Amino acid sequence: MNRETDLSHAVPLDDTQRRLEAWRRALADSGRRMPRFDAADGGAAARMLVLLETPGPGDDAERTVSRDNPTGTARNLTRFLADARIARCDTVLWNTVPWIVHESGARNRPLRRGEIREGLSVLPDWLVLLPRLRVVVLAGRVAREAAPVIAAHRPELPILSMPHPSPTIVCTSPAIPAAIMTTLWQAAAILDTPD
């Protein structure tokens, strides 16, 4: 996995950060194949959540939800966030269905309705562990289904949505990157507003 070596801006492992990892580990202990949070992102101190769909297919060993992953989606998201001037330490990337649903070695497939419902059911307990959130960005059709759950459990949070940054989506029309950038500029403006 392609990872940055400079983690000087990573959040210290405080009680909230430990609870975030304990939440992830509890799902893994229940038999889920759970990727890790990216220590180079904001973690529990993040002010912006980018919610994607689900970890893609690939090697299950020590997976991380990261913009440093060697995928087109990660590269696009990195570029778009940099263009919007959103600091990495302000973000946490996660997935609507946070566990790996693909069989080892299988190709990507659409999520099943039951998998989405199950992913949405664990979202409220996770949102509690992100006390500094100021904005949520839903990336793609599946992530947009999280809007009512987030609104019910964190009604103070602005919820924005954008197309998924996958190359297969981004390359369909020049309007897609423009829509992504418009959403991320809105998010950046929220982050720049004083508390």
N, C-alpha and C. Protein backbone atom coordinates (compact mmCIF):
# COMPACT_ATOMS: atom_id res chain seq x y z
N MET A 1 0.84 -1.17 0.00
CA MET A 1 0.00 0.00 0.00
C MET A 1 0.89 1.24 0.00
N ASN A 2 0.58 2.20 -0.83
CA ASN A 2 1.35 3.42 -0.93
C ASN A 2 0.99 4.34 0.23
N ARG A 3 1.92 4.64 1.09
CA ARG A 3 1.65 5.44 2.29
C ARG A 3 2.67 6.57 2.40
N GLU A 4 2.24 7.70 2.92
CA GLU A 4 3.17 8.78 3.22
C GLU A 4 3.98 8.39 4.44
N THR A 5 5.21 8.83 4.48
CA THR A 5 6.03 8.52 5.64
C THR A 5 6.02 9.65 6.66
N ASP A 6 5.68 10.88 6.25
CA ASP A 6 5.64 11.99 7.18
C ASP A 6 4.27 12.05 7.83
N LEU A 7 4.17 11.62 9.08
CA LEU A 7 2.92 11.65 9.81
C LEU A 7 2.92 12.72 10.89
N SER A 8 3.74 13.76 10.70
CA SER A 8 3.89 14.78 11.74
C SER A 8 2.59 15.55 12.00
N HIS A 9 1.67 15.55 11.02
CA HIS A 9 0.42 16.26 11.22
C HIS A 9 -0.71 15.34 11.70
N ALA A 10 -0.41 14.08 11.98
CA ALA A 10 -1.42 13.14 12.45
C ALA A 10 -1.88 13.53 13.85
N VAL A 11 -3.12 13.20 14.15
CA VAL A 11 -3.71 13.54 15.44
C VAL A 11 -3.15 12.62 16.52
N PRO A 12 -2.78 13.17 17.69
CA PRO A 12 -2.32 12.30 18.78
C PRO A 12 -3.42 11.31 19.16
N LEU A 13 -3.02 10.15 19.65
CA LEU A 13 -3.97 9.11 20.00
C LEU A 13 -4.55 9.41 21.38
N ASP A 14 -5.58 10.25 21.44
CA ASP A 14 -6.22 10.60 22.71
C ASP A 14 -7.40 9.64 22.95
N ASP A 15 -8.20 9.91 23.97
CA ASP A 15 -9.32 9.03 24.29
C ASP A 15 -10.30 8.88 23.13
N THR A 16 -10.62 9.99 22.46
CA THR A 16 -11.56 9.93 21.35
C THR A 16 -10.99 9.10 20.21
N GLN A 17 -9.72 9.28 19.94
CA GLN A 17 -9.08 8.50 18.88
C GLN A 17 -9.07 7.02 19.23
N ARG A 18 -8.82 6.71 20.48
CA ARG A 18 -8.84 5.31 20.92
C ARG A 18 -10.24 4.72 20.77
N ARG A 19 -11.27 5.51 21.09
CA ARG A 19 -12.64 5.03 20.94
C ARG A 19 -12.99 4.79 19.47
N LEU A 20 -12.47 5.63 18.59
CA LEU A 20 -12.67 5.46 17.15
C LEU A 20 -12.08 4.12 16.69
N GLU A 21 -10.87 3.84 17.13
CA GLU A 21 -10.23 2.57 16.76
C GLU A 21 -10.93 1.39 17.44
N ALA A 22 -11.41 1.57 18.67
CA ALA A 22 -12.14 0.50 19.35
C ALA A 22 -13.43 0.17 18.61
N TRP A 23 -14.11 1.20 18.08
CA TRP A 23 -15.33 0.99 17.28
C TRP A 23 -14.99 0.15 16.05
N ARG A 24 -13.93 0.50 15.35
CA ARG A 24 -13.51 -0.23 14.16
C ARG A 24 -13.14 -1.67 14.51
N ARG A 25 -12.40 -1.83 15.58
CA ARG A 25 -11.95 -3.16 16.00
C ARG A 25 -13.12 -4.04 16.41
N ALA A 26 -14.15 -3.45 17.05
CA ALA A 26 -15.32 -4.24 17.45
C ALA A 26 -16.03 -4.81 16.23
N LEU A 27 -16.11 -4.04 15.16
CA LEU A 27 -16.71 -4.56 13.93
C LEU A 27 -15.82 -5.65 13.33
N ALA A 28 -14.52 -5.45 13.38
CA ALA A 28 -13.60 -6.47 12.87
C ALA A 28 -13.71 -7.74 13.71
N ASP A 29 -13.83 -7.59 15.02
CA ASP A 29 -13.93 -8.76 15.91
C ASP A 29 -15.24 -9.52 15.71
N SER A 30 -16.24 -8.84 15.14
CA SER A 30 -17.52 -9.52 14.88
C SER A 30 -17.50 -10.27 13.55
N GLY A 31 -16.32 -10.34 12.95
CA GLY A 31 -16.18 -11.10 11.71
C GLY A 31 -16.11 -10.25 10.45
N ARG A 32 -16.18 -8.96 10.59
CA ARG A 32 -16.09 -8.05 9.44
C ARG A 32 -14.64 -7.88 9.01
N ARG A 33 -14.41 -7.75 7.74
CA ARG A 33 -13.07 -7.43 7.23
C ARG A 33 -13.01 -5.91 7.15
N MET A 34 -12.47 -5.31 8.20
CA MET A 34 -12.50 -3.85 8.38
C MET A 34 -11.16 -3.22 8.06
N PRO A 35 -11.14 -2.26 7.11
CA PRO A 35 -9.91 -1.51 6.90
C PRO A 35 -9.67 -0.55 8.07
N ARG A 36 -8.46 -0.05 8.13
CA ARG A 36 -8.08 0.90 9.18
C ARG A 36 -8.34 2.33 8.73
N PHE A 37 -8.40 3.22 9.71
CA PHE A 37 -8.43 4.66 9.43
C PHE A 37 -7.03 5.08 9.02
N ASP A 38 -6.91 6.09 8.22
CA ASP A 38 -5.62 6.61 7.80
C ASP A 38 -5.07 7.52 8.90
N ALA A 39 -3.97 7.14 9.49
CA ALA A 39 -3.36 7.92 10.57
C ALA A 39 -2.86 9.28 10.08
N ALA A 40 -2.70 9.45 8.79
CA ALA A 40 -2.25 10.73 8.25
C ALA A 40 -3.40 11.73 8.10
N ASP A 41 -4.64 11.26 8.25
CA ASP A 41 -5.80 12.15 8.19
C ASP A 41 -6.13 12.67 9.58
N GLY A 42 -7.23 13.36 9.70
CA GLY A 42 -7.61 13.99 10.96
C GLY A 42 -8.15 13.06 12.02
N GLY A 43 -8.63 11.87 11.63
CA GLY A 43 -9.17 10.94 12.62
C GLY A 43 -10.30 11.56 13.42
N ALA A 44 -10.29 11.34 14.72
CA ALA A 44 -11.36 11.83 15.59
C ALA A 44 -11.40 13.35 15.66
N ALA A 45 -10.32 14.02 15.28
CA ALA A 45 -10.28 15.49 15.30
C ALA A 45 -10.71 16.11 13.97
N ALA A 46 -11.11 15.28 13.01
CA ALA A 46 -11.49 15.79 11.69
C ALA A 46 -12.68 16.73 11.78
N ARG A 47 -12.64 17.72 10.91
CA ARG A 47 -13.76 18.66 10.82
C ARG A 47 -14.64 18.38 9.60
N MET A 48 -14.15 17.52 8.69
CA MET A 48 -14.91 17.18 7.49
C MET A 48 -14.85 15.69 7.24
N LEU A 49 -16.01 15.08 7.06
CA LEU A 49 -16.11 13.68 6.70
C LEU A 49 -16.41 13.59 5.22
N VAL A 50 -15.60 12.81 4.50
CA VAL A 50 -15.91 12.45 3.12
C VAL A 50 -16.35 10.99 3.18
N LEU A 51 -17.64 10.77 2.94
CA LEU A 51 -18.20 9.43 3.00
C LEU A 51 -18.32 8.88 1.59
N LEU A 52 -17.62 7.78 1.35
CA LEU A 52 -17.62 7.12 0.05
C LEU A 52 -18.59 5.93 0.10
N GLU A 53 -18.37 4.89 -0.70
CA GLU A 53 -19.31 3.78 -0.76
C GLU A 53 -18.87 2.58 0.06
N THR A 54 -17.83 1.88 -0.37
CA THR A 54 -17.32 0.70 0.31
C THR A 54 -15.89 0.47 -0.15
N PRO A 55 -15.06 -0.16 0.66
CA PRO A 55 -13.72 -0.49 0.18
C PRO A 55 -13.81 -1.37 -1.06
N GLY A 56 -13.01 -1.07 -2.04
CA GLY A 56 -13.01 -1.84 -3.27
C GLY A 56 -12.36 -3.20 -3.09
N PRO A 57 -12.42 -4.01 -4.14
CA PRO A 57 -11.79 -5.33 -4.06
C PRO A 57 -10.28 -5.18 -3.99
N GLY A 58 -9.63 -6.20 -3.49
CA GLY A 58 -8.17 -6.17 -3.40
C GLY A 58 -7.70 -7.01 -2.24
N ASP A 59 -6.42 -6.93 -1.98
CA ASP A 59 -5.80 -7.67 -0.89
C ASP A 59 -6.39 -7.22 0.44
N ASP A 60 -6.81 -8.16 1.27
CA ASP A 60 -7.42 -7.83 2.56
C ASP A 60 -6.42 -7.50 3.65
N ALA A 61 -5.17 -7.82 3.47
CA ALA A 61 -4.19 -7.66 4.54
C ALA A 61 -3.96 -6.19 4.86
N GLU A 62 -4.29 -5.82 6.09
CA GLU A 62 -4.00 -4.47 6.60
C GLU A 62 -4.41 -3.36 5.65
N ARG A 63 -5.65 -3.37 5.19
CA ARG A 63 -6.16 -2.32 4.31
C ARG A 63 -6.40 -1.06 5.11
N THR A 64 -6.28 0.08 4.44
CA THR A 64 -6.51 1.39 5.03
C THR A 64 -7.39 2.19 4.08
N VAL A 65 -8.35 2.93 4.62
CA VAL A 65 -9.13 3.86 3.81
C VAL A 65 -8.27 5.12 3.69
N SER A 66 -7.68 5.31 2.52
CA SER A 66 -6.67 6.35 2.39
C SER A 66 -6.63 6.95 0.99
N ARG A 67 -6.34 8.23 0.96
CA ARG A 67 -6.11 8.89 -0.32
C ARG A 67 -4.77 8.47 -0.91
N ASP A 68 -3.96 7.75 -0.15
CA ASP A 68 -2.66 7.26 -0.63
C ASP A 68 -2.76 5.89 -1.28
N ASN A 69 -3.94 5.29 -1.29
CA ASN A 69 -4.10 3.99 -1.93
C ASN A 69 -3.82 4.12 -3.43
N PRO A 70 -3.29 3.07 -4.04
CA PRO A 70 -2.92 3.12 -5.46
C PRO A 70 -4.11 2.89 -6.39
N THR A 71 -5.14 3.74 -6.25
CA THR A 71 -6.33 3.61 -7.09
C THR A 71 -6.63 4.94 -7.75
N GLY A 72 -7.38 4.88 -8.83
CA GLY A 72 -7.80 6.10 -9.51
C GLY A 72 -8.70 6.96 -8.65
N THR A 73 -9.57 6.32 -7.87
CA THR A 73 -10.44 7.08 -6.97
C THR A 73 -9.61 7.87 -5.96
N ALA A 74 -8.63 7.23 -5.36
CA ALA A 74 -7.78 7.91 -4.37
C ALA A 74 -7.01 9.07 -5.01
N ARG A 75 -6.46 8.83 -6.20
CA ARG A 75 -5.73 9.90 -6.88
C ARG A 75 -6.65 11.08 -7.20
N ASN A 76 -7.84 10.79 -7.71
CA ASN A 76 -8.78 11.87 -8.02
C ASN A 76 -9.17 12.64 -6.76
N LEU A 77 -9.49 11.92 -5.70
CA LEU A 77 -9.91 12.58 -4.47
C LEU A 77 -8.78 13.45 -3.91
N THR A 78 -7.56 12.95 -3.95
CA THR A 78 -6.41 13.73 -3.49
C THR A 78 -6.30 15.04 -4.28
N ARG A 79 -6.41 14.92 -5.58
CA ARG A 79 -6.31 16.12 -6.44
C ARG A 79 -7.43 17.11 -6.15
N PHE A 80 -8.66 16.62 -6.07
CA PHE A 80 -9.80 17.52 -5.83
C PHE A 80 -9.70 18.20 -4.47
N LEU A 81 -9.34 17.47 -3.43
CA LEU A 81 -9.20 18.07 -2.10
C LEU A 81 -8.08 19.11 -2.07
N ALA A 82 -6.97 18.81 -2.76
CA ALA A 82 -5.86 19.78 -2.83
C ALA A 82 -6.30 21.04 -3.59
N ASP A 83 -7.01 20.86 -4.69
CA ASP A 83 -7.48 22.01 -5.47
C ASP A 83 -8.44 22.88 -4.65
N ALA A 84 -9.20 22.26 -3.75
CA ALA A 84 -10.13 23.01 -2.89
C ALA A 84 -9.43 23.57 -1.66
N ARG A 85 -8.15 23.26 -1.50
CA ARG A 85 -7.32 23.71 -0.38
C ARG A 85 -7.90 23.27 0.97
N ILE A 86 -8.31 22.02 1.01
CA ILE A 86 -8.81 21.43 2.26
C ILE A 86 -7.66 20.64 2.86
N ALA A 87 -7.26 21.04 4.06
CA ALA A 87 -6.12 20.42 4.73
C ALA A 87 -6.42 18.97 5.07
N ARG A 88 -5.44 18.13 4.88
CA ARG A 88 -5.60 16.71 5.17
C ARG A 88 -5.98 16.47 6.63
N CYS A 89 -5.40 17.22 7.53
CA CYS A 89 -5.69 17.03 8.95
C CYS A 89 -7.13 17.41 9.31
N ASP A 90 -7.83 18.08 8.39
CA ASP A 90 -9.24 18.43 8.62
C ASP A 90 -10.20 17.35 8.16
N THR A 91 -9.69 16.32 7.50
CA THR A 91 -10.58 15.34 6.88
C THR A 91 -10.44 13.95 7.49
N VAL A 92 -11.52 13.20 7.37
CA VAL A 92 -11.50 11.76 7.60
C VAL A 92 -12.28 11.16 6.43
N LEU A 93 -11.71 10.14 5.82
CA LEU A 93 -12.36 9.41 4.73
C LEU A 93 -12.92 8.11 5.31
N TRP A 94 -14.15 7.79 4.93
CA TRP A 94 -14.73 6.54 5.38
C TRP A 94 -15.76 6.09 4.36
N ASN A 95 -16.39 4.96 4.61
CA ASN A 95 -17.32 4.38 3.66
C ASN A 95 -18.68 4.12 4.29
N THR A 96 -19.73 4.27 3.50
CA THR A 96 -21.09 4.01 3.95
C THR A 96 -21.21 2.57 4.43
N VAL A 97 -20.71 1.63 3.65
CA VAL A 97 -20.57 0.24 4.08
C VAL A 97 -19.08 0.09 4.37
N PRO A 98 -18.67 0.18 5.65
CA PRO A 98 -17.26 0.33 5.96
C PRO A 98 -16.41 -0.93 5.85
N TRP A 99 -17.03 -2.08 5.77
CA TRP A 99 -16.26 -3.32 5.70
C TRP A 99 -16.11 -3.76 4.25
N ILE A 100 -15.19 -4.67 4.03
CA ILE A 100 -14.91 -5.19 2.69
C ILE A 100 -15.96 -6.25 2.38
N VAL A 101 -16.76 -6.02 1.34
CA VAL A 101 -17.83 -6.95 0.98
C VAL A 101 -17.41 -7.91 -0.13
N HIS A 102 -16.36 -7.59 -0.83
CA HIS A 102 -15.91 -8.40 -1.96
C HIS A 102 -15.15 -9.63 -1.47
N GLU A 103 -15.38 -10.74 -2.11
CA GLU A 103 -14.59 -11.93 -1.83
C GLU A 103 -13.16 -11.67 -2.26
N SER A 104 -12.22 -12.25 -1.55
CA SER A 104 -10.81 -12.06 -1.89
C SER A 104 -10.57 -12.47 -3.34
N GLY A 105 -9.98 -11.60 -4.11
CA GLY A 105 -9.66 -11.85 -5.51
C GLY A 105 -10.81 -11.58 -6.48
N ALA A 106 -11.99 -11.24 -5.95
CA ALA A 106 -13.15 -10.99 -6.82
C ALA A 106 -13.09 -9.60 -7.43
N ARG A 107 -13.84 -9.42 -8.49
CA ARG A 107 -13.95 -8.11 -9.12
C ARG A 107 -14.95 -7.25 -8.36
N ASN A 108 -14.90 -5.95 -8.63
CA ASN A 108 -15.84 -5.02 -8.01
C ASN A 108 -17.26 -5.38 -8.43
N ARG A 109 -18.20 -5.19 -7.51
CA ARG A 109 -19.61 -5.43 -7.81
C ARG A 109 -20.44 -4.39 -7.08
N PRO A 110 -21.66 -4.15 -7.56
CA PRO A 110 -22.53 -3.21 -6.85
C PRO A 110 -22.88 -3.75 -5.46
N LEU A 111 -23.10 -2.83 -4.55
CA LEU A 111 -23.53 -3.22 -3.21
C LEU A 111 -24.97 -3.72 -3.24
N ARG A 112 -25.28 -4.66 -2.38
CA ARG A 112 -26.64 -5.17 -2.24
C ARG A 112 -27.41 -4.29 -1.26
N ARG A 113 -28.73 -4.25 -1.39
CA ARG A 113 -29.56 -3.41 -0.51
C ARG A 113 -29.33 -3.74 0.96
N GLY A 114 -29.25 -5.02 1.30
CA GLY A 114 -29.03 -5.42 2.69
C GLY A 114 -27.70 -4.93 3.22
N GLU A 115 -26.68 -4.93 2.38
CA GLU A 115 -25.35 -4.43 2.80
C GLU A 115 -25.41 -2.94 3.09
N ILE A 116 -26.14 -2.20 2.26
CA ILE A 116 -26.27 -0.76 2.47
C ILE A 116 -27.04 -0.49 3.77
N ARG A 117 -28.15 -1.19 3.97
CA ARG A 117 -28.92 -1.01 5.21
C ARG A 117 -28.06 -1.30 6.44
N GLU A 118 -27.29 -2.37 6.36
CA GLU A 118 -26.43 -2.75 7.48
C GLU A 118 -25.35 -1.69 7.73
N GLY A 119 -24.75 -1.17 6.67
CA GLY A 119 -23.76 -0.11 6.81
C GLY A 119 -24.35 1.13 7.44
N LEU A 120 -25.56 1.51 6.99
CA LEU A 120 -26.22 2.68 7.56
C LEU A 120 -26.57 2.48 9.02
N SER A 121 -26.82 1.26 9.43
CA SER A 121 -27.19 1.00 10.82
C SER A 121 -26.04 1.24 11.80
N VAL A 122 -24.79 1.14 11.35
CA VAL A 122 -23.66 1.37 12.26
C VAL A 122 -23.17 2.81 12.21
N LEU A 123 -23.68 3.59 11.28
CA LEU A 123 -23.22 4.97 11.11
C LEU A 123 -23.47 5.87 12.34
N PRO A 124 -24.63 5.81 12.99
CA PRO A 124 -24.85 6.70 14.14
C PRO A 124 -23.81 6.55 15.25
N ASP A 125 -23.45 5.32 15.59
CA ASP A 125 -22.45 5.11 16.65
C ASP A 125 -21.09 5.66 16.24
N TRP A 126 -20.80 5.66 14.97
CA TRP A 126 -19.52 6.18 14.48
C TRP A 126 -19.51 7.70 14.49
N LEU A 127 -20.62 8.32 14.10
CA LEU A 127 -20.70 9.78 14.06
C LEU A 127 -20.45 10.41 15.43
N VAL A 128 -20.89 9.73 16.49
CA VAL A 128 -20.69 10.23 17.86
C VAL A 128 -19.20 10.38 18.16
N LEU A 129 -18.37 9.59 17.50
CA LEU A 129 -16.93 9.59 17.77
C LEU A 129 -16.18 10.67 17.00
N LEU A 130 -16.91 11.51 16.28
CA LEU A 130 -16.30 12.60 15.50
C LEU A 130 -16.87 13.94 15.99
N PRO A 131 -16.50 14.36 17.19
CA PRO A 131 -17.14 15.52 17.81
C PRO A 131 -16.84 16.86 17.13
N ARG A 132 -15.75 16.95 16.37
CA ARG A 132 -15.37 18.23 15.77
C ARG A 132 -15.92 18.43 14.36
N LEU A 133 -16.68 17.48 13.85
CA LEU A 133 -17.19 17.60 12.49
C LEU A 133 -17.94 18.91 12.30
N ARG A 134 -17.67 19.55 11.15
CA ARG A 134 -18.39 20.78 10.77
C ARG A 134 -19.18 20.58 9.49
N VAL A 135 -18.81 19.56 8.68
CA VAL A 135 -19.49 19.34 7.41
C VAL A 135 -19.27 17.89 6.98
N VAL A 136 -20.27 17.34 6.28
CA VAL A 136 -20.19 16.00 5.72
C VAL A 136 -20.36 16.11 4.21
N VAL A 137 -19.49 15.43 3.47
CA VAL A 137 -19.58 15.38 2.02
C VAL A 137 -19.87 13.92 1.64
N LEU A 138 -20.99 13.72 0.99
CA LEU A 138 -21.40 12.39 0.54
C LEU A 138 -20.97 12.23 -0.91
N ALA A 139 -20.15 11.22 -1.17
CA ALA A 139 -19.58 11.03 -2.51
C ALA A 139 -20.24 9.84 -3.19
N GLY A 140 -21.17 10.12 -4.07
CA GLY A 140 -21.81 9.07 -4.85
C GLY A 140 -23.19 8.69 -4.37
N ARG A 141 -23.84 7.87 -5.20
CA ARG A 141 -25.23 7.46 -4.98
C ARG A 141 -25.43 6.72 -3.66
N VAL A 142 -24.58 5.75 -3.36
CA VAL A 142 -24.74 4.98 -2.12
C VAL A 142 -24.54 5.88 -0.91
N ALA A 143 -23.53 6.71 -0.93
CA ALA A 143 -23.28 7.61 0.21
C ALA A 143 -24.44 8.57 0.43
N ARG A 144 -25.10 9.00 -0.64
CA ARG A 144 -26.25 9.91 -0.48
C ARG A 144 -27.36 9.28 0.36
N GLU A 145 -27.42 7.96 0.39
CA GLU A 145 -28.44 7.30 1.21
C GLU A 145 -28.20 7.51 2.71
N ALA A 146 -27.02 7.97 3.07
CA ALA A 146 -26.70 8.24 4.48
C ALA A 146 -27.25 9.58 4.95
N ALA A 147 -27.70 10.43 4.04
CA ALA A 147 -28.14 11.78 4.43
C ALA A 147 -29.21 11.77 5.52
N PRO A 148 -30.28 10.97 5.41
CA PRO A 148 -31.29 10.99 6.48
C PRO A 148 -30.75 10.50 7.83
N VAL A 149 -29.86 9.54 7.80
CA VAL A 149 -29.28 9.01 9.05
C VAL A 149 -28.43 10.09 9.71
N ILE A 150 -27.61 10.76 8.92
CA ILE A 150 -26.76 11.82 9.47
C ILE A 150 -27.62 12.97 9.98
N ALA A 151 -28.62 13.37 9.21
CA ALA A 151 -29.49 14.48 9.62
C ALA A 151 -30.22 14.16 10.92
N ALA A 152 -30.62 12.91 11.11
CA ALA A 152 -31.34 12.52 12.32
C ALA A 152 -30.43 12.51 13.55
N HIS A 153 -29.17 12.13 13.37
CA HIS A 153 -28.26 11.96 14.51
C HIS A 153 -27.31 13.13 14.72
N ARG A 154 -27.08 13.92 13.69
CA ARG A 154 -26.22 15.11 13.81
C ARG A 154 -26.87 16.26 13.03
N PRO A 155 -28.04 16.73 13.49
CA PRO A 155 -28.80 17.72 12.72
C PRO A 155 -28.07 19.06 12.53
N GLU A 156 -27.04 19.30 13.32
CA GLU A 156 -26.31 20.57 13.19
C GLU A 156 -25.35 20.58 12.00
N LEU A 157 -25.10 19.42 11.41
CA LEU A 157 -24.09 19.32 10.35
C LEU A 157 -24.67 19.62 8.97
N PRO A 158 -24.03 20.52 8.23
CA PRO A 158 -24.39 20.67 6.82
C PRO A 158 -23.99 19.39 6.08
N ILE A 159 -24.87 18.93 5.19
CA ILE A 159 -24.60 17.73 4.40
C ILE A 159 -24.58 18.13 2.93
N LEU A 160 -23.43 17.91 2.29
CA LEU A 160 -23.27 18.22 0.88
C LEU A 160 -23.10 16.92 0.12
N SER A 161 -23.47 16.90 -1.15
CA SER A 161 -23.22 15.69 -1.92
C SER A 161 -22.58 16.04 -3.25
N MET A 162 -21.78 15.08 -3.71
CA MET A 162 -21.06 15.25 -4.96
C MET A 162 -21.01 13.90 -5.67
N PRO A 163 -20.68 13.91 -6.96
CA PRO A 163 -20.48 12.63 -7.64
C PRO A 163 -19.29 11.88 -7.03
N HIS A 164 -19.31 10.57 -7.18
CA HIS A 164 -18.21 9.75 -6.70
C HIS A 164 -16.96 10.08 -7.52
N PRO A 165 -15.77 10.16 -6.89
CA PRO A 165 -14.55 10.52 -7.62
C PRO A 165 -13.90 9.37 -8.38
N SER A 166 -14.59 8.27 -8.58
CA SER A 166 -14.05 7.16 -9.36
C SER A 166 -13.75 7.61 -10.78
N PRO A 167 -12.65 7.15 -11.37
CA PRO A 167 -12.35 7.52 -12.76
C PRO A 167 -13.48 7.18 -13.73
N THR A 168 -14.20 6.09 -13.49
CA THR A 168 -15.29 5.73 -14.40
C THR A 168 -16.43 6.73 -14.35
N ILE A 169 -16.57 7.45 -13.24
CA ILE A 169 -17.60 8.50 -13.13
C ILE A 169 -17.03 9.84 -13.61
N VAL A 170 -15.84 10.18 -13.14
CA VAL A 170 -15.23 11.47 -13.45
C VAL A 170 -15.04 11.67 -14.95
N CYS A 171 -14.72 10.59 -15.65
CA CYS A 171 -14.43 10.70 -17.08
C CYS A 171 -15.66 10.73 -17.97
N THR A 172 -16.86 10.63 -17.40
CA THR A 172 -18.06 10.58 -18.23
C THR A 172 -18.44 11.94 -18.81
N SER A 173 -18.06 13.01 -18.13
CA SER A 173 -18.46 14.34 -18.59
C SER A 173 -17.62 15.39 -17.86
N PRO A 174 -17.31 16.51 -18.55
CA PRO A 174 -16.60 17.60 -17.85
C PRO A 174 -17.42 18.19 -16.70
N ALA A 175 -18.73 17.95 -16.73
CA ALA A 175 -19.58 18.48 -15.65
C ALA A 175 -19.32 17.77 -14.33
N ILE A 176 -18.83 16.53 -14.37
CA ILE A 176 -18.62 15.77 -13.13
C ILE A 176 -17.49 16.38 -12.30
N PRO A 177 -16.28 16.59 -12.86
CA PRO A 177 -15.25 17.25 -12.03
C PRO A 177 -15.68 18.63 -11.55
N ALA A 178 -16.42 19.35 -12.39
CA ALA A 178 -16.89 20.68 -11.98
C ALA A 178 -17.84 20.57 -10.79
N ALA A 179 -18.72 19.58 -10.81
CA ALA A 179 -19.66 19.39 -9.69
C ALA A 179 -18.91 19.00 -8.42
N ILE A 180 -17.92 18.14 -8.55
CA ILE A 180 -17.11 17.75 -7.39
C ILE A 180 -16.42 18.97 -6.80
N MET A 181 -15.81 19.78 -7.65
CA MET A 181 -15.10 20.97 -7.16
C MET A 181 -16.06 21.97 -6.52
N THR A 182 -17.22 22.16 -7.10
CA THR A 182 -18.20 23.08 -6.51
C THR A 182 -18.56 22.64 -5.09
N THR A 183 -18.79 21.35 -4.91
CA THR A 183 -19.13 20.82 -3.59
C THR A 183 -17.97 21.01 -2.61
N LEU A 184 -16.76 20.70 -3.05
CA LEU A 184 -15.62 20.81 -2.14
C LEU A 184 -15.30 22.27 -1.82
N TRP A 185 -15.54 23.19 -2.74
CA TRP A 185 -15.36 24.61 -2.41
C TRP A 185 -16.40 25.04 -1.37
N GLN A 186 -17.62 24.52 -1.48
CA GLN A 186 -18.64 24.83 -0.46
C GLN A 186 -18.18 24.29 0.90
N ALA A 187 -17.65 23.08 0.92
CA ALA A 187 -17.16 22.50 2.16
C ALA A 187 -16.02 23.32 2.73
N ALA A 188 -15.09 23.75 1.87
CA ALA A 188 -13.96 24.57 2.32
C ALA A 188 -14.45 25.88 2.93
N ALA A 189 -15.49 26.47 2.33
CA ALA A 189 -16.04 27.72 2.87
C ALA A 189 -16.62 27.49 4.26
N ILE A 190 -17.28 26.37 4.46
CA ILE A 190 -17.82 26.04 5.80
C ILE A 190 -16.69 25.88 6.79
N LEU A 191 -15.62 25.20 6.39
CA LEU A 191 -14.48 25.01 7.28
C LEU A 191 -13.80 26.33 7.62
N ASP A 192 -13.82 27.28 6.69
CA ASP A 192 -13.19 28.59 6.90
C ASP A 192 -14.02 29.53 7.74
N THR A 193 -15.29 29.19 7.95
CA THR A 193 -16.16 30.05 8.76
C THR A 193 -15.81 29.87 10.22
N PRO A 194 -15.63 30.97 10.96
CA PRO A 194 -15.31 30.85 12.39
C PRO A 194 -16.40 30.10 13.15
N ASP A 195 -15.99 29.35 14.18
CA ASP A 195 -16.95 28.58 15.00
C ASP A 195 -17.93 29.51 15.67
